[in-house]
């Protein structure tokens, strides 16, 4: 799966977890390569597939209207994915999660944020549970963490919405 490969490639790049607000280019804007949060893993992976979530989220008008940060907020990405992707049931069954699915979480003891998002990998733990690719503050990692915290959303997003979709 291309999305998983694009996310997995990010593991080779050391990043500092920094959620600070930054003014970004638009479209195709990004924070410096050595900085990233959980949403940046998602944004950068889709960008490798030619999908600019910064622009799509901004044009969807589901956030605050700030094209510098809306696509970097889990709550806004969840709204976008629910509207333009497929919202799937939250489950505690590993077989319900496919490579490339996006999973959002509540982190009750989160240091930087109480929300989180990850990409389901095509690799599995020894117990058969899909791994996730994400950044929880220690750089981009692929690890056995699918059920590491309370799951708040399960989505599949495989296409760029057409302009007519914005009118919904």
C-alpha atoms as a PDB file:
ATOM      1  CA  UNK A   1       0.000   0.000   0.000  1.00  0.00           C
ATOM      2  CA  UNK A   2       1.442   3.333  -1.085  1.00  0.00           C
ATOM      3  CA  UNK A   3       0.206   5.311   1.926  1.00  0.00           C
ATOM      4  CA  UNK A   4       1.820   2.889   4.365  1.00  0.00           C
ATOM      5  CA  UNK A   5       5.097   2.967   2.413  1.00  0.00           C
ATOM      6  CA  UNK A   6       5.068   6.785   2.393  1.00  0.00           C
ATOM      7  CA  UNK A   7       4.477   6.880   6.147  1.00  0.00           C
ATOM      8  CA  UNK A   8       7.054   4.167   6.821  1.00  0.00           C
ATOM      9  CA  UNK A   9       9.724   6.109   4.894  1.00  0.00           C
ATOM     10  CA  UNK A  10       9.365   8.946   7.402  1.00  0.00           C
ATOM     11  CA  UNK A  11      10.919   6.763  10.120  1.00  0.00           C
ATOM     12  CA  UNK A  12      14.332   7.444   8.573  1.00  0.00           C
ATOM     13  CA  UNK A  13      14.037  11.191   9.204  1.00  0.00           C
ATOM     14  CA  UNK A  14      14.702  12.321  12.783  1.00  0.00           C
ATOM     15  CA  UNK A  15      12.088  14.875  13.831  1.00  0.00           C
ATOM     16  CA  UNK A  16      11.592  17.038  16.888  1.00  0.00           C
ATOM     17  CA  UNK A  17       8.053  16.947  18.246  1.00  0.00           C
ATOM     18  CA  UNK A  18       7.006  20.588  18.130  1.00  0.00           C
ATOM     19  CA  UNK A  19       3.338  21.607  17.901  1.00  0.00           C
ATOM     20  CA  UNK A  20       4.162  25.333  17.724  1.00  0.00           C
ATOM     21  CA  UNK A  21       2.178  27.523  15.343  1.00  0.00           C
ATOM     22  CA  UNK A  22       4.085  28.406  12.182  1.00  0.00           C
ATOM     23  CA  UNK A  23       3.251  30.403   9.089  1.00  0.00           C
ATOM     24  CA  UNK A  24       3.312  28.016   6.131  1.00  0.00           C
ATOM     25  CA  UNK A  25       3.419  28.332   2.379  1.00  0.00           C
ATOM     26  CA  UNK A  26       0.119  27.602   0.666  1.00  0.00           C
ATOM     27  CA  UNK A  27      -0.664  25.289  -1.015  1.00  0.00           C
ATOM     28  CA  UNK A  28       1.726  22.404  -0.260  1.00  0.00           C
ATOM     29  CA  UNK A  29       3.067  24.130   2.852  1.00  0.00           C
ATOM     30  CA  UNK A  30       4.908  22.179   5.524  1.00  0.00           C
ATOM     31  CA  UNK A  31       6.799  22.770   8.725  1.00  0.00           C
ATOM     32  CA  UNK A  32      10.590  22.293   8.459  1.00  0.00           C
ATOM     33  CA  UNK A  33      11.560  18.672   7.661  1.00  0.00           C
ATOM     34  CA  UNK A  34      13.084  18.154  11.120  1.00  0.00           C
ATOM     35  CA  UNK A  35       9.851  19.098  12.938  1.00  0.00           C
ATOM     36  CA  UNK A  36       6.659  17.109  13.160  1.00  0.00           C
ATOM     37  CA  UNK A  37       3.664  15.984  15.182  1.00  0.00           C
ATOM     38  CA  UNK A  38       1.256  13.081  14.658  1.00  0.00           C
ATOM     39  CA  UNK A  39      -0.772  14.916  12.024  1.00  0.00           C
ATOM     40  CA  UNK A  40       2.367  15.764  10.047  1.00  0.00           C
ATOM     41  CA  UNK A  41       2.958  12.030   9.514  1.00  0.00           C
ATOM     42  CA  UNK A  42      -0.489  11.832   7.909  1.00  0.00           C
ATOM     43  CA  UNK A  43      -0.123  15.040   5.871  1.00  0.00           C
ATOM     44  CA  UNK A  44       3.336  14.101   4.582  1.00  0.00           C
ATOM     45  CA  UNK A  45       2.312  10.549   3.674  1.00  0.00           C
ATOM     46  CA  UNK A  46      -0.678  11.744   1.638  1.00  0.00           C
ATOM     47  CA  UNK A  47       1.439  14.443   0.040  1.00  0.00           C
ATOM     48  CA  UNK A  48       3.731  11.707  -1.309  1.00  0.00           C
ATOM     49  CA  UNK A  49       0.630  10.374  -3.080  1.00  0.00           C
ATOM     50  CA  UNK A  50      -0.116  13.798  -4.573  1.00  0.00           C
ATOM     51  CA  UNK A  51      -2.867  14.664  -2.091  1.00  0.00           C
ATOM     52  CA  UNK A  52      -2.435  18.023  -0.337  1.00  0.00           C
ATOM     53  CA  UNK A  53      -4.422  17.808   2.898  1.00  0.00           C
ATOM     54  CA  UNK A  54      -3.453  21.377   3.775  1.00  0.00           C
ATOM     55  CA  UNK A  55      -5.335  22.687   0.751  1.00  0.00           C
ATOM     56  CA  UNK A  56      -8.190  20.173   0.927  1.00  0.00           C
ATOM     57  CA  UNK A  57      -8.846  20.811   4.617  1.00  0.00           C
ATOM     58  CA  UNK A  58      -8.655  24.582   4.120  1.00  0.00           C
ATOM     59  CA  UNK A  59     -11.032  24.535   1.144  1.00  0.00           C
ATOM     60  CA  UNK A  60     -13.446  22.246   2.993  1.00  0.00           C
ATOM     61  CA  UNK A  61     -14.034  25.037   5.546  1.00  0.00           C
ATOM     62  CA  UNK A  62     -14.250  22.511   8.368  1.00  0.00           C
ATOM     63  CA  UNK A  63     -11.630  24.224  10.532  1.00  0.00           C
ATOM     64  CA  UNK A  64     -11.088  27.764  11.740  1.00  0.00           C
ATOM     65  CA  UNK A  65     -10.093  29.012   8.297  1.00  0.00           C
ATOM     66  CA  UNK A  66      -6.398  29.144   9.209  1.00  0.00           C
ATOM     67  CA  UNK A  67      -4.519  27.377   6.421  1.00  0.00           C
ATOM     68  CA  UNK A  68      -1.363  27.350   8.555  1.00  0.00           C
ATOM     69  CA  UNK A  69      -2.695  25.047  11.266  1.00  0.00           C
ATOM     70  CA  UNK A  70      -6.117  23.503  10.564  1.00  0.00           C
ATOM     71  CA  UNK A  71      -4.675  20.465   8.744  1.00  0.00           C
ATOM     72  CA  UNK A  72      -2.319  19.906  11.706  1.00  0.00           C
ATOM     73  CA  UNK A  73      -5.179  19.552  14.213  1.00  0.00           C
ATOM     74  CA  UNK A  74      -6.543  16.067  14.898  1.00  0.00           C
ATOM     75  CA  UNK A  75     -10.063  17.354  15.568  1.00  0.00           C
ATOM     76  CA  UNK A  76     -10.194  19.089  12.166  1.00  0.00           C
ATOM     77  CA  UNK A  77      -8.711  16.095  10.341  1.00  0.00           C
ATOM     78  CA  UNK A  78     -11.352  13.875  11.951  1.00  0.00           C
ATOM     79  CA  UNK A  79     -14.124  16.155  10.635  1.00  0.00           C
ATOM     80  CA  UNK A  80     -12.552  16.135   7.179  1.00  0.00           C
ATOM     81  CA  UNK A  81     -12.122  12.357   7.130  1.00  0.00           C
ATOM     82  CA  UNK A  82     -15.681  11.792   8.353  1.00  0.00           C
ATOM     83  CA  UNK A  83     -17.089  13.969   5.574  1.00  0.00           C
ATOM     84  CA  UNK A  84     -14.835  13.105   2.624  1.00  0.00           C
ATOM     85  CA  UNK A  85     -13.568   9.658   3.559  1.00  0.00           C
ATOM     86  CA  UNK A  86     -15.256   6.633   5.040  1.00  0.00           C
ATOM     87  CA  UNK A  87     -16.036   6.568   8.747  1.00  0.00           C
ATOM     88  CA  UNK A  88     -15.652   3.008   9.998  1.00  0.00           C
ATOM     89  CA  UNK A  89     -16.786   1.457  13.278  1.00  0.00           C
ATOM     90  CA  UNK A  90     -14.399   1.629  16.208  1.00  0.00           C
ATOM     91  CA  UNK A  91     -13.598  -1.922  17.221  1.00  0.00           C
ATOM     92  CA  UNK A  92     -11.330  -3.883  19.520  1.00  0.00           C
ATOM     93  CA  UNK A  93     -10.867  -6.565  16.841  1.00  0.00           C
ATOM     94  CA  UNK A  94      -7.519  -6.365  15.015  1.00  0.00           C
ATOM     95  CA  UNK A  95      -9.020  -7.808  11.827  1.00  0.00           C
ATOM     96  CA  UNK A  96     -11.269  -4.739  11.473  1.00  0.00           C
ATOM     97  CA  UNK A  97      -8.265  -2.498  10.755  1.00  0.00           C
ATOM     98  CA  UNK A  98      -6.721  -2.517   7.279  1.00  0.00           C
ATOM     99  CA  UNK A  99      -3.387  -1.110   6.088  1.00  0.00           C
ATOM    100  CA  UNK A 100      -3.767   2.600   5.393  1.00  0.00           C
ATOM    101  CA  UNK A 101      -6.702   3.110   7.756  1.00  0.00           C
ATOM    102  CA  UNK A 102      -6.455   6.165   9.988  1.00  0.00           C
ATOM    103  CA  UNK A 103      -7.148   5.801  13.697  1.00  0.00           C
ATOM    104  CA  UNK A 104      -7.659   8.689  16.116  1.00  0.00           C
ATOM    105  CA  UNK A 105      -7.197   8.493  19.859  1.00  0.00           C
ATOM    106  CA  UNK A 106      -7.846  10.226  23.155  1.00  0.00           C
ATOM    107  CA  UNK A 107      -4.687  10.474  25.255  1.00  0.00           C
ATOM    108  CA  UNK A 108      -5.822  11.163  28.832  1.00  0.00           C
ATOM    109  CA  UNK A 109      -2.257  11.793  29.979  1.00  0.00           C
ATOM    110  CA  UNK A 110      -0.909  13.366  26.785  1.00  0.00           C
ATOM    111  CA  UNK A 111       1.970  15.763  27.405  1.00  0.00           C
ATOM    112  CA  UNK A 112       1.493  17.917  24.306  1.00  0.00           C
ATOM    113  CA  UNK A 113      -2.064  17.044  23.327  1.00  0.00           C
ATOM    114  CA  UNK A 114      -4.993  14.901  24.401  1.00  0.00           C
ATOM    115  CA  UNK A 115      -5.677  13.882  20.782  1.00  0.00           C
ATOM    116  CA  UNK A 116      -3.650  11.681  18.467  1.00  0.00           C
ATOM    117  CA  UNK A 117      -3.851  10.068  15.018  1.00  0.00           C
ATOM    118  CA  UNK A 118      -1.968   7.193  13.372  1.00  0.00           C
ATOM    119  CA  UNK A 119      -1.827   5.170  10.146  1.00  0.00           C
ATOM    120  CA  UNK A 120      -2.444   1.426  10.326  1.00  0.00           C
ATOM    121  CA  UNK A 121       0.528  -0.504   8.939  1.00  0.00           C
ATOM    122  CA  UNK A 122       0.597  -3.638   6.824  1.00  0.00           C
ATOM    123  CA  UNK A 123       2.957  -5.192   9.394  1.00  0.00           C
ATOM    124  CA  UNK A 124       1.615  -7.035  12.424  1.00  0.00           C
ATOM    125  CA  UNK A 125       2.770  -7.832  15.929  1.00  0.00           C
ATOM    126  CA  UNK A 126       3.580 -11.404  16.922  1.00  0.00           C
ATOM    127  CA  UNK A 127       0.013 -11.567  18.265  1.00  0.00           C
ATOM    128  CA  UNK A 128      -1.389 -10.630  14.841  1.00  0.00           C
ATOM    129  CA  UNK A 129      -2.349  -7.056  15.738  1.00  0.00           C
ATOM    130  CA  UNK A 130      -1.612  -4.465  13.032  1.00  0.00           C
ATOM    131  CA  UNK A 131       1.151  -2.028  13.913  1.00  0.00           C
ATOM    132  CA  UNK A 132       0.627   1.716  13.536  1.00  0.00           C
ATOM    133  CA  UNK A 133       2.910   4.392  12.117  1.00  0.00           C
ATOM    134  CA  UNK A 134       2.783   7.607  14.108  1.00  0.00           C
ATOM    135  CA  UNK A 135       4.634  10.235  16.123  1.00  0.00           C
ATOM    136  CA  UNK A 136       3.777  10.324  19.831  1.00  0.00           C
ATOM    137  CA  UNK A 137       6.648  12.645  20.645  1.00  0.00           C
ATOM    138  CA  UNK A 138       9.607  10.354  19.979  1.00  0.00           C
ATOM    139  CA  UNK A 139       9.851  10.670  16.221  1.00  0.00           C
ATOM    140  CA  UNK A 140       8.026   8.676  13.573  1.00  0.00           C
ATOM    141  CA  UNK A 141       7.756   5.053  14.677  1.00  0.00           C
ATOM    142  CA  UNK A 142       6.077   1.875  13.560  1.00  0.00           C
ATOM    143  CA  UNK A 143       4.959   0.043  16.657  1.00  0.00           C
ATOM    144  CA  UNK A 144       2.453  -2.227  18.340  1.00  0.00           C
ATOM    145  CA  UNK A 145       0.163   0.517  19.599  1.00  0.00           C
ATOM    146  CA  UNK A 146      -3.166   0.100  17.761  1.00  0.00           C
ATOM    147  CA  UNK A 147      -4.940  -0.439  21.075  1.00  0.00           C
ATOM    148  CA  UNK A 148      -2.512   1.704  23.094  1.00  0.00           C
ATOM    149  CA  UNK A 149      -5.126   4.265  24.084  1.00  0.00           C
ATOM    150  CA  UNK A 150      -8.849   4.923  23.684  1.00  0.00           C
ATOM    151  CA  UNK A 151      -9.776   4.909  19.983  1.00  0.00           C
ATOM    152  CA  UNK A 152     -12.070   7.815  19.059  1.00  0.00           C
ATOM    153  CA  UNK A 153     -12.278   7.365  15.300  1.00  0.00           C
ATOM    154  CA  UNK A 154     -11.553   4.926  12.487  1.00  0.00           C
ATOM    155  CA  UNK A 155     -11.400   6.212   8.915  1.00  0.00           C
ATOM    156  CA  UNK A 156     -10.406   5.283   5.411  1.00  0.00           C
ATOM    157  CA  UNK A 157      -9.431   8.011   2.950  1.00  0.00           C
ATOM    158  CA  UNK A 158      -8.174   7.003  -0.467  1.00  0.00           C
ATOM    159  CA  UNK A 159      -9.048   9.782  -2.855  1.00  0.00           C
ATOM    160  CA  UNK A 160      -8.949  13.512  -3.258  1.00  0.00           C
ATOM    161  CA  UNK A 161     -12.464  14.944  -3.184  1.00  0.00           C
ATOM    162  CA  UNK A 162     -13.733  16.628  -6.312  1.00  0.00           C
ATOM    163  CA  UNK A 163     -14.580  20.331  -6.236  1.00  0.00           C
ATOM    164  CA  UNK A 164     -18.297  19.503  -6.390  1.00  0.00           C
ATOM    165  CA  UNK A 165     -17.877  17.611  -3.087  1.00  0.00           C
ATOM    166  CA  UNK A 166     -17.275  20.917  -1.253  1.00  0.00           C
ATOM    167  CA  UNK A 167     -20.887  21.939  -1.836  1.00  0.00           C
ATOM    168  CA  UNK A 168     -22.258  19.088   0.300  1.00  0.00           C
END
